[in-house]
Every structure is written in C-alpha cells, then in structure tokens.
Amino acid sequence: MSEAPNLTTPRLRLRPPEDRDIDPIVEACQDPGIQRFTLLPSPFTRADAEKFVREISRAEGSRVWTIELLDGGFVGVAGLHSRGEGVASLGYWCAAWQRGRGSIWKTTEASEFSARRRA
C-alpha cells in the first residue's frame, strides 16, 4: 500500500499526519472512550503521539490520515492497513469535541474510494 494521498470532501481534508498534529492528538487521546475502544497506550503521552506521527503513521502497508475540517480544526485519525493482497482494514477515532457531525462517515467513504482507486 502506498503513502496516504491527500483527500478532500466538501467538509473535510484527510492528509498524512504532521508534527502540528501532536498536541491535538495528545489532547484527544485523553478521552477514556478512545482509550477503551482502541489499542492506544494508556496513559497516552506526548511521546506516544510523537512516535505515532513520526514512525507508526509511516509504516509500510499502511495509509494513515489526520482528519481535519477545511478550516483546519482537528477531527481525528483514520488509517487503512493492508491485511494481504486486496484486503485492508480501516481503523479510526474521532476527538470527543467533533463527534456527532458525520465526519467519520465521510472519512470512511473517502478512504474507501482511495483504496479502490489505488488498489
């Protein structure tokens, strides 16, 4: 699987994680719901966010995106991870302050389109 391409919907931008995402990732990952339903370390520290942005998100066989509003507001993270020839899993989480706005639904549509187009 190739590097995550930039994707845009009418409301969202999906782009590879950057250092500017570290602080919002740390803040969002303090949410007990994210820690409960994901494989993130608990407690989640700044060092964990730095490792995610600089290493994990760039792993071979994965496409990882920061999800943000077009105005730059942080929404969350999504990733496609190869599970073999023609098979991938989608993982995602959304910051508590962005839930209930349909952002994850649109993210899954965009990431699926990306996977099919580049398969």
N, C-alpha and C. Protein backbone atom coordinates (compact mmCIF):
# COMPACT_ATOMS: atom_id res chain seq x y z
N MET A 1 0.85 -1.17 0.00
CA MET A 1 0.00 0.00 0.00
C MET A 1 0.90 1.23 0.00
N SER A 2 0.56 2.21 -0.82
CA SER A 2 1.38 3.40 -0.96
C SER A 2 1.07 4.43 0.13
N GLU A 3 1.86 5.50 0.15
CA GLU A 3 1.65 6.58 1.12
C GLU A 3 0.25 7.17 0.98
N ALA A 4 -0.29 7.62 2.09
CA ALA A 4 -1.64 8.19 2.10
C ALA A 4 -1.70 9.45 1.23
N PRO A 5 -2.58 9.46 0.24
CA PRO A 5 -2.74 10.67 -0.56
C PRO A 5 -3.59 11.70 0.19
N ASN A 6 -3.47 12.95 -0.17
CA ASN A 6 -4.37 13.96 0.36
C ASN A 6 -5.75 13.73 -0.26
N LEU A 7 -6.77 13.77 0.57
CA LEU A 7 -8.15 13.60 0.12
C LEU A 7 -8.97 14.77 0.65
N THR A 8 -9.94 15.22 -0.13
CA THR A 8 -10.79 16.32 0.30
C THR A 8 -12.24 15.98 0.00
N THR A 9 -13.12 16.25 0.98
CA THR A 9 -14.55 16.14 0.80
C THR A 9 -15.10 17.56 0.89
N PRO A 10 -16.39 17.76 0.71
CA PRO A 10 -16.93 19.12 0.85
C PRO A 10 -16.69 19.76 2.23
N ARG A 11 -16.45 18.93 3.28
CA ARG A 11 -16.24 19.47 4.63
C ARG A 11 -14.89 19.15 5.24
N LEU A 12 -14.22 18.11 4.72
CA LEU A 12 -13.04 17.57 5.39
C LEU A 12 -11.82 17.50 4.49
N ARG A 13 -10.67 17.51 5.13
CA ARG A 13 -9.39 17.24 4.46
C ARG A 13 -8.75 16.08 5.21
N LEU A 14 -8.30 15.09 4.47
CA LEU A 14 -7.53 13.99 5.03
C LEU A 14 -6.13 14.11 4.46
N ARG A 15 -5.14 14.11 5.33
CA ARG A 15 -3.76 14.28 4.91
C ARG A 15 -2.86 13.48 5.84
N PRO A 16 -1.66 13.14 5.41
CA PRO A 16 -0.75 12.42 6.30
C PRO A 16 -0.47 13.25 7.56
N PRO A 17 -0.34 12.58 8.72
CA PRO A 17 -0.05 13.30 9.97
C PRO A 17 1.27 14.07 9.90
N GLU A 18 1.28 15.20 10.58
CA GLU A 18 2.45 16.08 10.67
C GLU A 18 2.69 16.45 12.13
N ASP A 19 3.85 17.03 12.39
CA ASP A 19 4.17 17.41 13.76
C ASP A 19 3.12 18.35 14.37
N ARG A 20 2.47 19.17 13.57
CA ARG A 20 1.46 20.09 14.12
C ARG A 20 0.24 19.35 14.68
N ASP A 21 0.13 18.05 14.39
CA ASP A 21 -0.98 17.25 14.91
C ASP A 21 -0.69 16.66 16.29
N ILE A 22 0.53 16.74 16.75
CA ILE A 22 0.91 16.07 18.00
C ILE A 22 0.07 16.57 19.18
N ASP A 23 -0.02 17.88 19.38
CA ASP A 23 -0.79 18.39 20.53
C ASP A 23 -2.27 18.02 20.47
N PRO A 24 -2.96 18.19 19.32
CA PRO A 24 -4.36 17.77 19.30
C PRO A 24 -4.54 16.26 19.48
N ILE A 25 -3.60 15.46 19.00
CA ILE A 25 -3.68 14.02 19.20
C ILE A 25 -3.56 13.70 20.69
N VAL A 26 -2.60 14.31 21.36
CA VAL A 26 -2.44 14.08 22.80
C VAL A 26 -3.72 14.46 23.53
N GLU A 27 -4.27 15.64 23.22
CA GLU A 27 -5.49 16.09 23.88
C GLU A 27 -6.65 15.13 23.64
N ALA A 28 -6.87 14.74 22.39
CA ALA A 28 -7.99 13.85 22.06
C ALA A 28 -7.84 12.49 22.72
N CYS A 29 -6.62 11.99 22.79
CA CYS A 29 -6.39 10.64 23.31
C CYS A 29 -6.43 10.55 24.83
N GLN A 30 -6.75 11.63 25.50
CA GLN A 30 -7.00 11.57 26.94
C GLN A 30 -8.43 11.10 27.21
N ASP A 31 -9.26 11.08 26.17
CA ASP A 31 -10.65 10.65 26.28
C ASP A 31 -10.71 9.16 26.63
N PRO A 32 -11.37 8.80 27.73
CA PRO A 32 -11.47 7.38 28.10
C PRO A 32 -12.12 6.52 27.02
N GLY A 33 -13.03 7.08 26.24
CA GLY A 33 -13.66 6.32 25.17
C GLY A 33 -12.67 5.90 24.10
N ILE A 34 -11.77 6.79 23.74
CA ILE A 34 -10.75 6.44 22.74
C ILE A 34 -9.82 5.38 23.33
N GLN A 35 -9.42 5.56 24.57
CA GLN A 35 -8.52 4.58 25.18
C GLN A 35 -9.19 3.23 25.35
N ARG A 36 -10.48 3.22 25.59
CA ARG A 36 -11.20 1.96 25.80
C ARG A 36 -11.37 1.16 24.52
N PHE A 37 -11.64 1.84 23.40
CA PHE A 37 -12.00 1.13 22.18
C PHE A 37 -10.90 1.09 21.12
N THR A 38 -9.69 1.48 21.47
CA THR A 38 -8.57 1.41 20.54
C THR A 38 -7.41 0.68 21.20
N LEU A 39 -6.35 0.50 20.46
CA LEU A 39 -5.16 -0.16 21.00
C LEU A 39 -4.10 0.84 21.45
N LEU A 40 -4.50 2.08 21.69
CA LEU A 40 -3.55 3.11 22.12
C LEU A 40 -3.05 2.82 23.53
N PRO A 41 -1.82 3.22 23.82
CA PRO A 41 -1.32 3.07 25.19
C PRO A 41 -2.15 3.93 26.15
N SER A 42 -2.26 3.47 27.37
CA SER A 42 -2.95 4.24 28.41
C SER A 42 -2.10 4.19 29.66
N PRO A 43 -1.68 5.35 30.16
CA PRO A 43 -1.99 6.70 29.67
C PRO A 43 -1.27 6.98 28.34
N PHE A 44 -1.88 7.85 27.55
CA PHE A 44 -1.32 8.26 26.26
C PHE A 44 -0.55 9.56 26.47
N THR A 45 0.74 9.55 26.13
CA THR A 45 1.61 10.68 26.41
C THR A 45 2.01 11.41 25.12
N ARG A 46 2.66 12.53 25.30
CA ARG A 46 3.19 13.28 24.15
C ARG A 46 4.19 12.42 23.38
N ALA A 47 5.01 11.67 24.08
CA ALA A 47 5.97 10.79 23.41
C ALA A 47 5.25 9.76 22.54
N ASP A 48 4.10 9.26 23.00
CA ASP A 48 3.31 8.33 22.19
C ASP A 48 2.82 9.00 20.91
N ALA A 49 2.35 10.24 21.03
CA ALA A 49 1.87 10.98 19.85
C ALA A 49 3.01 11.26 18.88
N GLU A 50 4.17 11.62 19.40
CA GLU A 50 5.32 11.87 18.53
C GLU A 50 5.70 10.60 17.77
N LYS A 51 5.73 9.47 18.45
CA LYS A 51 6.06 8.21 17.80
C LYS A 51 5.01 7.86 16.75
N PHE A 52 3.73 8.09 17.07
CA PHE A 52 2.68 7.81 16.10
C PHE A 52 2.86 8.65 14.84
N VAL A 53 3.04 9.95 14.99
CA VAL A 53 3.15 10.86 13.85
C VAL A 53 4.41 10.58 13.04
N ARG A 54 5.52 10.39 13.71
CA ARG A 54 6.81 10.30 13.02
C ARG A 54 7.20 8.90 12.56
N GLU A 55 6.61 7.86 13.17
CA GLU A 55 7.01 6.50 12.82
C GLU A 55 5.83 5.61 12.43
N ILE A 56 4.90 5.41 13.34
CA ILE A 56 3.81 4.45 13.12
C ILE A 56 2.97 4.82 11.91
N SER A 57 2.66 6.09 11.75
CA SER A 57 1.80 6.51 10.64
C SER A 57 2.47 6.33 9.28
N ARG A 58 3.77 6.10 9.28
CA ARG A 58 4.51 5.94 8.03
C ARG A 58 4.89 4.48 7.75
N ALA A 59 4.32 3.57 8.52
CA ALA A 59 4.68 2.16 8.40
C ALA A 59 4.31 1.59 7.04
N GLU A 60 5.14 0.71 6.57
CA GLU A 60 4.89 0.01 5.31
C GLU A 60 3.55 -0.73 5.39
N GLY A 61 2.77 -0.66 4.33
CA GLY A 61 1.49 -1.36 4.29
C GLY A 61 0.34 -0.59 4.91
N SER A 62 0.56 0.68 5.23
CA SER A 62 -0.50 1.49 5.85
C SER A 62 -0.64 2.82 5.14
N ARG A 63 -1.84 3.35 5.18
CA ARG A 63 -2.12 4.73 4.79
C ARG A 63 -2.82 5.36 5.99
N VAL A 64 -2.22 6.36 6.57
CA VAL A 64 -2.79 7.00 7.76
C VAL A 64 -3.03 8.47 7.47
N TRP A 65 -4.20 8.95 7.91
CA TRP A 65 -4.57 10.34 7.69
C TRP A 65 -4.92 11.04 8.99
N THR A 66 -4.54 12.30 9.08
CA THR A 66 -5.16 13.22 10.02
C THR A 66 -6.44 13.69 9.35
N ILE A 67 -7.51 13.71 10.10
CA ILE A 67 -8.80 14.21 9.60
C ILE A 67 -8.97 15.61 10.16
N GLU A 68 -9.20 16.58 9.29
CA GLU A 68 -9.42 17.94 9.76
C GLU A 68 -10.54 18.60 8.96
N LEU A 69 -11.17 19.57 9.58
CA LEU A 69 -12.14 20.39 8.88
C LEU A 69 -11.40 21.25 7.87
N LEU A 70 -12.08 21.72 6.86
CA LEU A 70 -11.40 22.54 5.85
C LEU A 70 -10.82 23.81 6.45
N ASP A 71 -11.37 24.27 7.58
CA ASP A 71 -10.80 25.46 8.25
C ASP A 71 -9.60 25.10 9.12
N GLY A 72 -9.22 23.82 9.16
CA GLY A 72 -8.06 23.39 9.91
C GLY A 72 -8.36 22.78 11.26
N GLY A 73 -9.61 22.77 11.71
CA GLY A 73 -9.95 22.18 13.00
C GLY A 73 -9.71 20.68 13.02
N PHE A 74 -9.06 20.20 14.05
CA PHE A 74 -8.71 18.79 14.18
C PHE A 74 -9.96 17.96 14.46
N VAL A 75 -10.10 16.83 13.75
CA VAL A 75 -11.23 15.92 13.94
C VAL A 75 -10.77 14.59 14.53
N GLY A 76 -9.74 13.98 13.95
CA GLY A 76 -9.29 12.68 14.43
C GLY A 76 -8.28 12.07 13.50
N VAL A 77 -8.21 10.74 13.50
CA VAL A 77 -7.23 10.00 12.72
C VAL A 77 -7.92 8.78 12.11
N ALA A 78 -7.52 8.43 10.90
CA ALA A 78 -8.01 7.22 10.24
C ALA A 78 -6.83 6.54 9.55
N GLY A 79 -6.92 5.23 9.41
CA GLY A 79 -5.86 4.52 8.72
C GLY A 79 -6.35 3.26 8.05
N LEU A 80 -5.85 3.02 6.85
CA LEU A 80 -6.05 1.76 6.13
C LEU A 80 -4.79 0.93 6.33
N HIS A 81 -4.97 -0.34 6.69
CA HIS A 81 -3.83 -1.20 6.95
C HIS A 81 -3.98 -2.48 6.14
N SER A 82 -2.98 -2.76 5.33
CA SER A 82 -3.02 -3.93 4.47
C SER A 82 -3.07 -5.21 5.30
N ARG A 83 -3.94 -6.13 4.89
CA ARG A 83 -4.07 -7.43 5.54
C ARG A 83 -3.83 -8.57 4.56
N GLY A 84 -3.21 -8.23 3.45
CA GLY A 84 -2.94 -9.22 2.41
C GLY A 84 -3.36 -8.66 1.07
N GLU A 85 -3.12 -9.41 0.03
CA GLU A 85 -3.41 -8.97 -1.33
C GLU A 85 -4.89 -8.61 -1.48
N GLY A 86 -5.17 -7.33 -1.75
CA GLY A 86 -6.53 -6.87 -1.98
C GLY A 86 -7.41 -6.75 -0.75
N VAL A 87 -6.83 -6.87 0.45
CA VAL A 87 -7.60 -6.81 1.70
C VAL A 87 -6.96 -5.78 2.62
N ALA A 88 -7.81 -4.92 3.19
CA ALA A 88 -7.32 -3.91 4.14
C ALA A 88 -8.35 -3.71 5.24
N SER A 89 -7.89 -3.27 6.40
CA SER A 89 -8.81 -2.90 7.48
C SER A 89 -8.73 -1.40 7.67
N LEU A 90 -9.84 -0.83 8.10
CA LEU A 90 -9.92 0.61 8.36
C LEU A 90 -10.08 0.81 9.85
N GLY A 91 -9.19 1.60 10.42
CA GLY A 91 -9.30 1.98 11.82
C GLY A 91 -9.44 3.49 11.91
N TYR A 92 -10.12 3.97 12.92
CA TYR A 92 -10.31 5.41 13.06
C TYR A 92 -10.74 5.75 14.47
N TRP A 93 -10.54 6.99 14.84
CA TRP A 93 -11.12 7.55 16.05
C TRP A 93 -11.36 9.04 15.83
N CYS A 94 -12.30 9.56 16.58
CA CYS A 94 -12.72 10.94 16.44
C CYS A 94 -12.62 11.63 17.80
N ALA A 95 -12.06 12.82 17.82
CA ALA A 95 -11.98 13.59 19.06
C ALA A 95 -13.39 13.81 19.61
N ALA A 96 -13.53 13.75 20.92
CA ALA A 96 -14.84 13.88 21.57
C ALA A 96 -15.56 15.14 21.14
N TRP A 97 -14.83 16.23 20.97
CA TRP A 97 -15.47 17.52 20.64
C TRP A 97 -15.95 17.59 19.18
N GLN A 98 -15.66 16.54 18.38
CA GLN A 98 -16.10 16.52 16.98
C GLN A 98 -17.13 15.42 16.69
N ARG A 99 -17.51 14.67 17.69
CA ARG A 99 -18.43 13.55 17.46
C ARG A 99 -19.84 14.05 17.13
N GLY A 100 -20.57 13.22 16.39
CA GLY A 100 -21.95 13.51 16.07
C GLY A 100 -22.15 14.45 14.90
N ARG A 101 -21.12 14.67 14.11
CA ARG A 101 -21.19 15.61 12.98
C ARG A 101 -21.04 14.94 11.63
N GLY A 102 -20.95 13.61 11.62
CA GLY A 102 -20.85 12.88 10.36
C GLY A 102 -19.45 12.82 9.77
N SER A 103 -18.45 13.29 10.48
CA SER A 103 -17.10 13.34 9.93
C SER A 103 -16.51 11.96 9.67
N ILE A 104 -16.75 11.03 10.56
CA ILE A 104 -16.19 9.69 10.38
C ILE A 104 -16.87 8.99 9.21
N TRP A 105 -18.15 9.16 9.05
CA TRP A 105 -18.85 8.59 7.90
C TRP A 105 -18.21 9.06 6.60
N LYS A 106 -17.99 10.36 6.47
CA LYS A 106 -17.38 10.91 5.26
C LYS A 106 -15.93 10.44 5.11
N THR A 107 -15.24 10.26 6.22
CA THR A 107 -13.87 9.76 6.18
C THR A 107 -13.84 8.34 5.64
N THR A 108 -14.76 7.50 6.08
CA THR A 108 -14.76 6.12 5.58
C THR A 108 -15.06 6.08 4.08
N GLU A 109 -15.95 6.93 3.63
CA GLU A 109 -16.23 6.99 2.19
C GLU A 109 -14.99 7.40 1.40
N ALA A 110 -14.31 8.44 1.87
CA ALA A 110 -13.13 8.95 1.15
C ALA A 110 -11.99 7.93 1.17
N SER A 111 -11.76 7.29 2.32
CA SER A 111 -10.65 6.33 2.40
C SER A 111 -10.96 5.08 1.57
N GLU A 112 -12.22 4.65 1.54
CA GLU A 112 -12.58 3.51 0.70
C GLU A 112 -12.36 3.85 -0.77
N PHE A 113 -12.76 5.04 -1.18
CA PHE A 113 -12.54 5.47 -2.56
C PHE A 113 -11.05 5.45 -2.88
N SER A 114 -10.24 5.95 -1.96
CA SER A 114 -8.78 5.97 -2.17
C SER A 114 -8.25 4.55 -2.33
N ALA A 115 -8.70 3.64 -1.48
CA ALA A 115 -8.21 2.26 -1.54
C ALA A 115 -8.59 1.60 -2.87
N ARG A 116 -9.81 1.80 -3.30
CA ARG A 116 -10.25 1.18 -4.55
C ARG A 116 -9.54 1.76 -5.76
N ARG A 117 -9.32 3.06 -5.72
CA ARG A 117 -8.69 3.74 -6.85
C ARG A 117 -7.22 3.35 -6.98
N ARG A 118 -6.56 3.07 -5.88
CA ARG A 118 -5.12 2.80 -5.91
C ARG A 118 -4.80 1.32 -5.70
N ALA A 119 -5.80 0.47 -5.65
CA ALA A 119 -5.56 -0.96 -5.41
C ALA A 119 -4.81 -1.58 -6.57
